[in-house]
Amino acid sequence: MEKTASLLDLPADAFAGLTHIEIIGSKELLIENHKGILEYNDNEVKLNGGKTVIRITGMRLTVASMNENELRMVGQIESVSFIGL
């Protein structure tokens, strides 16, 4: 799917259903195409990213909004890492 997206000059995340992450400063995070929250507290959040777990660490982390495709988180974001499944 990623190769096809590249050949068609399309964003791979939209075409192949990959997780798309935007970080706005150190205070806001937007994640599209996630598969749900696995763990959540005010210092760490783990999301199902399909083939990986997305780990967000920080302080006073709060889910500001969430729907079936998108999650917006606010707080002091310190790191975003990926854990292979």
N, C-alpha and C. Protein backbone atom coordinates (compact mmCIF):
# COMPACT_ATOMS: atom_id res chain seq x y z
N MET A 1 0.81 -1.20 0.00
CA MET A 1 0.00 0.00 0.00
C MET A 1 0.85 1.27 0.00
N GLU A 2 1.93 1.25 0.81
CA GLU A 2 2.81 2.43 0.87
C GLU A 2 3.47 2.70 -0.48
N LYS A 3 3.89 1.64 -1.19
CA LYS A 3 4.51 1.81 -2.50
C LYS A 3 3.50 2.38 -3.49
N THR A 4 2.26 1.89 -3.43
CA THR A 4 1.21 2.39 -4.32
C THR A 4 0.95 3.86 -4.05
N ALA A 5 0.89 4.23 -2.78
CA ALA A 5 0.68 5.64 -2.42
C ALA A 5 1.80 6.50 -2.97
N SER A 6 3.02 6.00 -2.89
CA SER A 6 4.17 6.75 -3.40
C SER A 6 4.10 6.92 -4.91
N LEU A 7 3.73 5.85 -5.61
CA LEU A 7 3.60 5.91 -7.07
C LEU A 7 2.52 6.90 -7.51
N LEU A 8 1.45 6.98 -6.72
CA LEU A 8 0.35 7.89 -7.04
C LEU A 8 0.53 9.27 -6.44
N ASP A 9 1.67 9.47 -5.75
CA ASP A 9 1.97 10.73 -5.09
C ASP A 9 0.89 11.13 -4.08
N LEU A 10 0.46 10.15 -3.30
CA LEU A 10 -0.53 10.36 -2.24
C LEU A 10 0.12 10.15 -0.88
N PRO A 11 -0.40 10.79 0.16
CA PRO A 11 0.15 10.55 1.50
C PRO A 11 -0.07 9.10 1.91
N ALA A 12 0.98 8.42 2.32
CA ALA A 12 0.89 7.00 2.68
C ALA A 12 -0.07 6.77 3.84
N ASP A 13 -0.11 7.67 4.81
CA ASP A 13 -0.97 7.47 5.96
C ASP A 13 -2.44 7.43 5.56
N ALA A 14 -2.86 8.30 4.68
CA ALA A 14 -4.26 8.34 4.26
C ALA A 14 -4.60 7.14 3.38
N PHE A 15 -3.71 6.77 2.50
CA PHE A 15 -3.98 5.71 1.55
C PHE A 15 -3.94 4.33 2.20
N ALA A 16 -2.98 4.11 3.06
CA ALA A 16 -2.77 2.78 3.64
C ALA A 16 -3.37 2.63 5.03
N GLY A 17 -4.04 3.66 5.55
CA GLY A 17 -4.62 3.58 6.89
C GLY A 17 -3.59 3.65 8.00
N LEU A 18 -2.42 4.21 7.74
CA LEU A 18 -1.38 4.33 8.76
C LEU A 18 -1.74 5.42 9.75
N THR A 19 -1.19 5.33 10.94
CA THR A 19 -1.39 6.34 11.95
C THR A 19 -0.67 7.62 11.56
N HIS A 20 -1.36 8.74 11.72
CA HIS A 20 -0.79 10.06 11.41
C HIS A 20 -0.71 10.84 12.71
N ILE A 21 0.46 11.38 13.04
CA ILE A 21 0.65 12.10 14.30
C ILE A 21 1.15 13.51 14.00
N GLU A 22 0.52 14.48 14.63
CA GLU A 22 0.98 15.87 14.57
C GLU A 22 1.23 16.35 15.99
N ILE A 23 2.40 16.95 16.21
CA ILE A 23 2.74 17.51 17.51
C ILE A 23 2.81 19.02 17.36
N ILE A 24 2.06 19.72 18.19
CA ILE A 24 2.01 21.18 18.13
C ILE A 24 2.72 21.70 19.37
N GLY A 25 3.96 22.15 19.17
CA GLY A 25 4.78 22.58 20.30
C GLY A 25 4.99 21.40 21.23
N SER A 26 4.95 21.67 22.51
CA SER A 26 5.05 20.57 23.49
C SER A 26 3.77 20.47 24.31
N LYS A 27 2.70 21.09 23.79
CA LYS A 27 1.45 21.16 24.56
C LYS A 27 0.26 20.43 23.94
N GLU A 28 0.36 20.02 22.66
CA GLU A 28 -0.79 19.41 22.00
C GLU A 28 -0.34 18.36 21.01
N LEU A 29 -1.13 17.29 20.91
CA LEU A 29 -0.83 16.17 20.04
C LEU A 29 -2.12 15.73 19.36
N LEU A 30 -2.07 15.52 18.06
CA LEU A 30 -3.22 15.05 17.30
C LEU A 30 -2.83 13.73 16.64
N ILE A 31 -3.64 12.69 16.86
CA ILE A 31 -3.37 11.38 16.29
C ILE A 31 -4.59 10.94 15.49
N GLU A 32 -4.37 10.62 14.21
CA GLU A 32 -5.44 10.12 13.35
C GLU A 32 -5.18 8.65 13.03
N ASN A 33 -6.24 7.91 12.81
CA ASN A 33 -6.20 6.48 12.45
C ASN A 33 -5.65 5.60 13.57
N HIS A 34 -5.86 5.97 14.82
CA HIS A 34 -5.47 5.09 15.92
C HIS A 34 -6.53 4.02 16.08
N LYS A 35 -6.21 2.98 16.82
CA LYS A 35 -7.14 1.86 17.02
C LYS A 35 -7.66 1.78 18.44
N GLY A 36 -7.43 2.82 19.25
CA GLY A 36 -7.96 2.84 20.61
C GLY A 36 -6.89 3.06 21.66
N ILE A 37 -7.36 3.40 22.86
CA ILE A 37 -6.48 3.63 24.01
C ILE A 37 -6.25 2.31 24.73
N LEU A 38 -4.98 1.97 24.98
CA LEU A 38 -4.62 0.76 25.71
C LEU A 38 -4.42 1.05 27.20
N GLU A 39 -3.72 2.14 27.51
CA GLU A 39 -3.48 2.57 28.89
C GLU A 39 -3.54 4.09 28.93
N TYR A 40 -3.98 4.61 30.10
CA TYR A 40 -4.12 6.06 30.19
C TYR A 40 -4.00 6.51 31.63
N ASN A 41 -3.06 7.41 31.90
CA ASN A 41 -3.02 8.16 33.15
C ASN A 41 -2.42 9.52 32.83
N ASP A 42 -2.27 10.39 33.81
CA ASP A 42 -1.84 11.77 33.49
C ASP A 42 -0.36 11.90 33.17
N ASN A 43 0.42 10.79 33.24
CA ASN A 43 1.85 10.81 32.90
C ASN A 43 2.22 9.95 31.70
N GLU A 44 1.32 9.04 31.31
CA GLU A 44 1.63 8.14 30.20
C GLU A 44 0.34 7.67 29.53
N VAL A 45 0.38 7.63 28.19
CA VAL A 45 -0.74 7.12 27.42
C VAL A 45 -0.18 6.15 26.39
N LYS A 46 -0.82 4.98 26.25
CA LYS A 46 -0.44 4.02 25.23
C LYS A 46 -1.64 3.81 24.32
N LEU A 47 -1.39 3.96 23.01
CA LEU A 47 -2.43 3.82 22.01
C LEU A 47 -2.11 2.66 21.08
N ASN A 48 -3.14 1.99 20.63
CA ASN A 48 -2.97 0.95 19.62
C ASN A 48 -2.84 1.64 18.27
N GLY A 49 -1.68 1.48 17.63
CA GLY A 49 -1.44 2.07 16.33
C GLY A 49 -1.52 1.06 15.21
N GLY A 50 -2.09 -0.10 15.49
CA GLY A 50 -2.16 -1.16 14.48
C GLY A 50 -0.98 -2.09 14.60
N LYS A 51 0.11 -1.76 13.92
CA LYS A 51 1.31 -2.59 13.96
C LYS A 51 2.26 -2.19 15.07
N THR A 52 2.00 -1.07 15.75
CA THR A 52 2.84 -0.60 16.85
C THR A 52 1.97 -0.07 17.98
N VAL A 53 2.57 0.04 19.14
CA VAL A 53 1.96 0.75 20.26
C VAL A 53 2.62 2.12 20.30
N ILE A 54 1.81 3.16 20.39
CA ILE A 54 2.32 4.53 20.47
C ILE A 54 2.31 4.92 21.94
N ARG A 55 3.49 5.25 22.47
CA ARG A 55 3.63 5.62 23.90
C ARG A 55 3.92 7.10 23.99
N ILE A 56 3.06 7.81 24.71
CA ILE A 56 3.21 9.25 24.91
C ILE A 56 3.47 9.47 26.40
N THR A 57 4.55 10.18 26.72
CA THR A 57 4.83 10.48 28.12
C THR A 57 4.86 11.99 28.33
N GLY A 58 4.57 12.39 29.55
CA GLY A 58 4.56 13.79 29.88
C GLY A 58 3.94 14.03 31.24
N MET A 59 3.40 15.22 31.42
CA MET A 59 2.75 15.58 32.68
C MET A 59 1.40 16.21 32.38
N ARG A 60 0.45 15.92 33.23
CA ARG A 60 -0.91 16.45 33.11
C ARG A 60 -1.51 16.16 31.73
N LEU A 61 -1.28 14.95 31.22
CA LEU A 61 -1.82 14.57 29.91
C LEU A 61 -3.32 14.34 30.03
N THR A 62 -4.05 14.94 29.11
CA THR A 62 -5.50 14.86 29.11
C THR A 62 -6.00 14.65 27.70
N VAL A 63 -6.97 13.76 27.54
CA VAL A 63 -7.61 13.60 26.24
C VAL A 63 -8.62 14.74 26.11
N ALA A 64 -8.34 15.67 25.18
CA ALA A 64 -9.21 16.84 24.99
C ALA A 64 -10.42 16.49 24.14
N SER A 65 -10.21 15.63 23.14
CA SER A 65 -11.33 15.17 22.31
C SER A 65 -10.95 13.86 21.65
N MET A 66 -11.98 13.09 21.31
CA MET A 66 -11.73 11.80 20.69
C MET A 66 -12.97 11.37 19.93
N ASN A 67 -12.75 10.84 18.73
CA ASN A 67 -13.83 10.19 18.00
C ASN A 67 -13.27 8.91 17.40
N GLU A 68 -13.97 8.27 16.50
CA GLU A 68 -13.52 6.97 15.99
C GLU A 68 -12.22 7.04 15.20
N ASN A 69 -11.87 8.21 14.67
CA ASN A 69 -10.66 8.32 13.85
C ASN A 69 -9.57 9.20 14.45
N GLU A 70 -9.91 10.06 15.38
CA GLU A 70 -8.98 11.10 15.80
C GLU A 70 -8.98 11.26 17.32
N LEU A 71 -7.79 11.52 17.86
CA LEU A 71 -7.63 11.78 19.28
C LEU A 71 -6.77 13.03 19.43
N ARG A 72 -7.22 13.98 20.25
CA ARG A 72 -6.43 15.18 20.52
C ARG A 72 -6.10 15.18 22.00
N MET A 73 -4.80 15.31 22.31
CA MET A 73 -4.32 15.27 23.68
C MET A 73 -3.61 16.58 24.00
N VAL A 74 -3.80 17.05 25.22
CA VAL A 74 -3.12 18.26 25.68
C VAL A 74 -2.38 17.95 26.98
N GLY A 75 -1.43 18.80 27.32
CA GLY A 75 -0.61 18.64 28.51
C GLY A 75 0.84 18.95 28.16
N GLN A 76 1.74 18.64 29.06
CA GLN A 76 3.17 18.83 28.81
C GLN A 76 3.70 17.54 28.19
N ILE A 77 3.84 17.52 26.87
CA ILE A 77 4.29 16.32 26.15
C ILE A 77 5.81 16.27 26.17
N GLU A 78 6.35 15.18 26.70
CA GLU A 78 7.81 15.01 26.79
C GLU A 78 8.36 14.10 25.72
N SER A 79 7.63 13.03 25.37
CA SER A 79 8.13 12.12 24.33
C SER A 79 7.01 11.34 23.70
N VAL A 80 7.27 10.92 22.46
CA VAL A 80 6.40 10.02 21.72
C VAL A 80 7.31 8.92 21.18
N SER A 81 6.99 7.67 21.51
CA SER A 81 7.82 6.56 21.04
C SER A 81 6.92 5.45 20.51
N PHE A 82 7.53 4.52 19.80
CA PHE A 82 6.81 3.44 19.17
C PHE A 82 7.38 2.11 19.64
N ILE A 83 6.48 1.21 20.01
CA ILE A 83 6.87 -0.11 20.50
C ILE A 83 6.31 -1.12 19.49
N GLY A 84 7.16 -1.87 18.83
CA GLY A 84 6.72 -2.86 17.85
C GLY A 84 5.97 -4.00 18.52
N LEU A 85 5.01 -4.53 17.81
CA LEU A 85 4.23 -5.66 18.33
C LEU A 85 4.80 -6.98 17.85
